[in-house]
Amino acid sequence: MRSAIRLLVSTGGLLLLSPLAAVCGNTNAHSKFTGVYVSVPHNDAKSAAFMNLSLGPDGTATVTEDPGNGTKTLFGHWVDSGSQITVTFDAEEGKPAEPAMAFQPGHDGLQAVTWDHAAWGKENPPPMKKGGAKVKQLYWFTQNP
């Protein structure tokens, strides 16, 4: 009888701690980088290039960018390695996945350190500051009148 009670108590304790273990195992859930980052315009007013980034607490990521030749939105997942954020993108049907991007912390935000140089040409993506709106909302508001 005692062994049955011990088994029941230990099983109940395991079930109680399982959700906690799942949350602790997710490196993004408590990351200081979770949030929305909006690009800071370049000093020259003629450049309309921008890059915005949304890092969800569930590990999802959205990048909306326009290097000056059209806006593109990419969806994927992110990982916080402590000193850098890496975003890997989901492949669209019939197309290969976009190459991963990496971001490093900057002054009150993030700066892209790895990006698609073919798309951006000689431009560097502008630094991004932590903002308020979600990039997905910015995408839908700008793409759907």
C-alpha atoms as a PDB file:
ATOM      1  CA  MET A   1       0.000   0.000   0.000  1.00  0.00           C
ATOM      2  CA  ARG A   2       2.812   2.427   0.882  1.00  0.00           C
ATOM      3  CA  SER A   3       4.565   1.817  -2.422  1.00  0.00           C
ATOM      4  CA  ALA A   4       1.311   2.538  -4.272  1.00  0.00           C
ATOM      5  CA  ILE A   5       0.944   5.854  -2.398  1.00  0.00           C
ATOM      6  CA  ARG A   6       4.590   6.766  -3.136  1.00  0.00           C
ATOM      7  CA  LEU A   7       4.064   5.978  -6.805  1.00  0.00           C
ATOM      8  CA  LEU A   8       0.919   8.102  -6.881  1.00  0.00           C
ATOM      9  CA  VAL A   9       2.624  11.023  -5.096  1.00  0.00           C
ATOM     10  CA  SER A  10       5.750  10.874  -7.286  1.00  0.00           C
ATOM     11  CA  THR A  11       3.667  10.594 -10.466  1.00  0.00           C
ATOM     12  CA  GLY A  12       1.504  13.522  -9.369  1.00  0.00           C
ATOM     13  CA  GLY A  13       4.617  15.576  -8.621  1.00  0.00           C
ATOM     14  CA  LEU A  14       6.057  14.742 -12.027  1.00  0.00           C
ATOM     15  CA  LEU A  15       2.850  15.813 -13.757  1.00  0.00           C
ATOM     16  CA  LEU A  16       2.802  19.017 -11.733  1.00  0.00           C
ATOM     17  CA  LEU A  17       6.377  19.894 -12.719  1.00  0.00           C
ATOM     18  CA  SER A  18       6.072  18.891 -16.395  1.00  0.00           C
ATOM     19  CA  PRO A  19       4.612  22.242 -17.576  1.00  0.00           C
ATOM     20  CA  LEU A  20       7.362  24.062 -15.680  1.00  0.00           C
ATOM     21  CA  ALA A  21      10.022  21.953 -17.380  1.00  0.00           C
ATOM     22  CA  ALA A  22       8.481  22.686 -20.771  1.00  0.00           C
ATOM     23  CA  VAL A  23       8.604  26.449 -20.159  1.00  0.00           C
ATOM     24  CA  CYS A  24      12.157  26.326 -18.819  1.00  0.00           C
ATOM     25  CA  GLY A  25      13.257  24.303 -21.840  1.00  0.00           C
ATOM     26  CA  ASN A  26      12.123  27.036 -24.239  1.00  0.00           C
ATOM     27  CA  THR A  27      15.041  29.449 -24.497  1.00  0.00           C
ATOM     28  CA  ASN A  28      12.870  32.183 -26.037  1.00  0.00           C
ATOM     29  CA  ALA A  29      10.082  32.312 -23.435  1.00  0.00           C
ATOM     30  CA  HIS A  30      11.991  34.582 -21.075  1.00  0.00           C
ATOM     31  CA  SER A  31      14.438  36.124 -23.520  1.00  0.00           C
ATOM     32  CA  LYS A  32      15.138  39.808 -23.085  1.00  0.00           C
ATOM     33  CA  PHE A  33      14.966  40.069 -26.883  1.00  0.00           C
ATOM     34  CA  THR A  34      11.298  39.081 -27.182  1.00  0.00           C
ATOM     35  CA  GLY A  35       9.418  41.974 -28.740  1.00  0.00           C
ATOM     36  CA  VAL A  36       9.163  44.187 -31.800  1.00  0.00           C
ATOM     37  CA  TYR A  37      12.017  46.077 -33.427  1.00  0.00           C
ATOM     38  CA  VAL A  38      11.421  48.876 -35.931  1.00  0.00           C
ATOM     39  CA  SER A  39      14.118  50.299 -38.161  1.00  0.00           C
ATOM     40  CA  VAL A  40      15.590  53.696 -37.548  1.00  0.00           C
ATOM     41  CA  PRO A  41      15.698  55.722 -40.798  1.00  0.00           C
ATOM     42  CA  HIS A  42      19.078  56.427 -42.330  1.00  0.00           C
ATOM     43  CA  ASN A  43      20.343  59.995 -42.177  1.00  0.00           C
ATOM     44  CA  ASP A  44      19.749  60.532 -45.894  1.00  0.00           C
ATOM     45  CA  ALA A  45      16.057  61.223 -46.524  1.00  0.00           C
ATOM     46  CA  LYS A  46      16.121  59.695 -50.030  1.00  0.00           C
ATOM     47  CA  SER A  47      16.673  56.170 -48.657  1.00  0.00           C
ATOM     48  CA  ALA A  48      13.393  54.468 -47.854  1.00  0.00           C
ATOM     49  CA  ALA A  49      15.052  51.161 -46.930  1.00  0.00           C
ATOM     50  CA  PHE A  50      13.781  49.540 -43.749  1.00  0.00           C
ATOM     51  CA  MET A  51      13.828  46.300 -41.797  1.00  0.00           C
ATOM     52  CA  ASN A  52      11.403  45.453 -39.004  1.00  0.00           C
ATOM     53  CA  LEU A  53      11.523  42.383 -36.792  1.00  0.00           C
ATOM     54  CA  SER A  54       9.051  40.705 -34.447  1.00  0.00           C
ATOM     55  CA  LEU A  55      10.323  38.049 -32.018  1.00  0.00           C
ATOM     56  CA  GLY A  56       7.464  36.179 -30.365  1.00  0.00           C
ATOM     57  CA  PRO A  57       7.760  34.521 -26.945  1.00  0.00           C
ATOM     58  CA  ASP A  58       6.784  31.235 -28.633  1.00  0.00           C
ATOM     59  CA  GLY A  59       9.879  31.336 -30.874  1.00  0.00           C
ATOM     60  CA  THR A  60       8.128  32.654 -33.987  1.00  0.00           C
ATOM     61  CA  ALA A  61       9.676  35.482 -35.973  1.00  0.00           C
ATOM     62  CA  THR A  62       8.508  37.886 -38.667  1.00  0.00           C
ATOM     63  CA  VAL A  63      10.868  40.026 -40.727  1.00  0.00           C
ATOM     64  CA  THR A  64       9.461  42.742 -42.987  1.00  0.00           C
ATOM     65  CA  GLU A  65      12.089  44.406 -45.127  1.00  0.00           C
ATOM     66  CA  ASP A  66      12.437  46.738 -48.059  1.00  0.00           C
ATOM     67  CA  PRO A  67      15.956  47.411 -49.261  1.00  0.00           C
ATOM     68  CA  GLY A  68      14.513  49.883 -51.759  1.00  0.00           C
ATOM     69  CA  ASN A  69      13.238  47.442 -54.366  1.00  0.00           C
ATOM     70  CA  GLY A  70       9.985  46.227 -52.803  1.00  0.00           C
ATOM     71  CA  THR A  71       8.666  45.050 -49.472  1.00  0.00           C
ATOM     72  CA  LYS A  72       9.048  41.399 -48.516  1.00  0.00           C
ATOM     73  CA  THR A  73       7.765  39.679 -45.363  1.00  0.00           C
ATOM     74  CA  LEU A  74       9.336  36.460 -44.131  1.00  0.00           C
ATOM     75  CA  PHE A  75       8.053  34.150 -41.405  1.00  0.00           C
ATOM     76  CA  GLY A  76      10.146  31.774 -39.359  1.00  0.00           C
ATOM     77  CA  HIS A  77      11.576  30.957 -35.948  1.00  0.00           C
ATOM     78  CA  TRP A  78      14.262  32.492 -33.770  1.00  0.00           C
ATOM     79  CA  VAL A  79      16.808  31.372 -31.207  1.00  0.00           C
ATOM     80  CA  ASP A  80      18.623  33.460 -28.601  1.00  0.00           C
ATOM     81  CA  SER A  81      22.217  32.259 -28.218  1.00  0.00           C
ATOM     82  CA  GLY A  82      22.926  34.896 -25.566  1.00  0.00           C
ATOM     83  CA  SER A  83      24.977  37.252 -27.711  1.00  0.00           C
ATOM     84  CA  GLN A  84      23.106  36.891 -30.984  1.00  0.00           C
ATOM     85  CA  ILE A  85      19.634  36.196 -32.374  1.00  0.00           C
ATOM     86  CA  THR A  86      19.384  33.797 -35.308  1.00  0.00           C
ATOM     87  CA  VAL A  87      16.224  33.690 -37.413  1.00  0.00           C
ATOM     88  CA  THR A  88      15.591  30.734 -39.717  1.00  0.00           C
ATOM     89  CA  PHE A  89      12.792  31.100 -42.229  1.00  0.00           C
ATOM     90  CA  ASP A  90      10.000  28.756 -43.216  1.00  0.00           C
ATOM     91  CA  ALA A  91      10.055  27.648 -46.853  1.00  0.00           C
ATOM     92  CA  GLU A  92       7.142  28.787 -48.972  1.00  0.00           C
ATOM     93  CA  GLU A  93       5.408  26.114 -50.994  1.00  0.00           C
ATOM     94  CA  GLY A  94       7.492  25.252 -54.052  1.00  0.00           C
ATOM     95  CA  LYS A  95      10.372  27.548 -53.038  1.00  0.00           C
ATOM     96  CA  PRO A  96      13.489  26.985 -50.956  1.00  0.00           C
ATOM     97  CA  ALA A  97      13.714  28.707 -47.581  1.00  0.00           C
ATOM     98  CA  GLU A  98      15.362  32.109 -47.456  1.00  0.00           C
ATOM     99  CA  PRO A  99      18.844  32.097 -45.890  1.00  0.00           C
ATOM    100  CA  ALA A 100      18.967  32.615 -42.119  1.00  0.00           C
ATOM    101  CA  MET A 101      19.563  36.078 -40.686  1.00  0.00           C
ATOM    102  CA  ALA A 102      21.513  36.992 -37.563  1.00  0.00           C
ATOM    103  CA  PHE A 103      21.115  40.040 -35.333  1.00  0.00           C
ATOM    104  CA  GLN A 104      23.296  41.432 -32.567  1.00  0.00           C
ATOM    105  CA  PRO A 105      22.274  43.736 -29.755  1.00  0.00           C
ATOM    106  CA  GLY A 106      22.966  47.387 -30.407  1.00  0.00           C
ATOM    107  CA  HIS A 107      22.048  50.618 -28.661  1.00  0.00           C
ATOM    108  CA  ASP A 108      18.464  49.985 -27.435  1.00  0.00           C
ATOM    109  CA  GLY A 109      17.787  47.472 -30.199  1.00  0.00           C
ATOM    110  CA  LEU A 110      19.180  45.037 -32.740  1.00  0.00           C
ATOM    111  CA  GLN A 111      21.379  45.300 -35.829  1.00  0.00           C
ATOM    112  CA  ALA A 112      21.418  42.772 -38.668  1.00  0.00           C
ATOM    113  CA  VAL A 113      24.858  41.175 -39.031  1.00  0.00           C
ATOM    114  CA  THR A 114      23.869  38.484 -41.556  1.00  0.00           C
ATOM    115  CA  TRP A 115      21.339  39.216 -44.319  1.00  0.00           C
ATOM    116  CA  ASP A 116      20.671  38.706 -48.034  1.00  0.00           C
ATOM    117  CA  HIS A 117      23.373  40.878 -49.598  1.00  0.00           C
ATOM    118  CA  ALA A 118      22.023  40.209 -53.099  1.00  0.00           C
ATOM    119  CA  ALA A 119      18.709  41.869 -52.164  1.00  0.00           C
ATOM    120  CA  TRP A 120      20.255  44.747 -50.224  1.00  0.00           C
ATOM    121  CA  GLY A 121      23.105  45.506 -52.662  1.00  0.00           C
ATOM    122  CA  LYS A 122      25.441  48.112 -51.191  1.00  0.00           C
ATOM    123  CA  GLU A 123      22.885  49.119 -48.554  1.00  0.00           C
ATOM    124  CA  ASN A 124      23.189  47.869 -45.002  1.00  0.00           C
ATOM    125  CA  PRO A 125      19.948  47.217 -43.132  1.00  0.00           C
ATOM    126  CA  PRO A 126      19.326  50.073 -40.710  1.00  0.00           C
ATOM    127  CA  PRO A 127      19.548  49.473 -36.960  1.00  0.00           C
ATOM    128  CA  MET A 128      16.284  48.657 -35.233  1.00  0.00           C
ATOM    129  CA  LYS A 129      14.953  50.006 -31.944  1.00  0.00           C
ATOM    130  CA  LYS A 130      12.508  48.177 -29.729  1.00  0.00           C
ATOM    131  CA  GLY A 131       9.030  49.478 -30.616  1.00  0.00           C
ATOM    132  CA  GLY A 132       5.393  49.052 -29.707  1.00  0.00           C
ATOM    133  CA  ALA A 133       3.406  47.662 -32.661  1.00  0.00           C
ATOM    134  CA  LYS A 134       3.764  44.106 -33.891  1.00  0.00           C
ATOM    135  CA  VAL A 135       5.511  43.686 -37.230  1.00  0.00           C
ATOM    136  CA  LYS A 136       2.680  41.392 -38.360  1.00  0.00           C
ATOM    137  CA  GLN A 137       0.267  44.285 -37.686  1.00  0.00           C
ATOM    138  CA  LEU A 138       2.519  46.694 -39.605  1.00  0.00           C
ATOM    139  CA  TYR A 139       2.552  44.234 -42.510  1.00  0.00           C
ATOM    140  CA  TRP A 140      -1.227  43.866 -42.646  1.00  0.00           C
ATOM    141  CA  PHE A 141      -1.859  47.600 -42.256  1.00  0.00           C
ATOM    142  CA  THR A 142       0.567  48.510 -45.051  1.00  0.00           C
ATOM    143  CA  GLN A 143      -0.298  45.647 -47.446  1.00  0.00           C
ATOM    144  CA  ASN A 144      -4.086  45.525 -47.037  1.00  0.00           C
ATOM    145  CA  PRO A 145      -5.798  48.894 -47.523  1.00  0.00           C
END
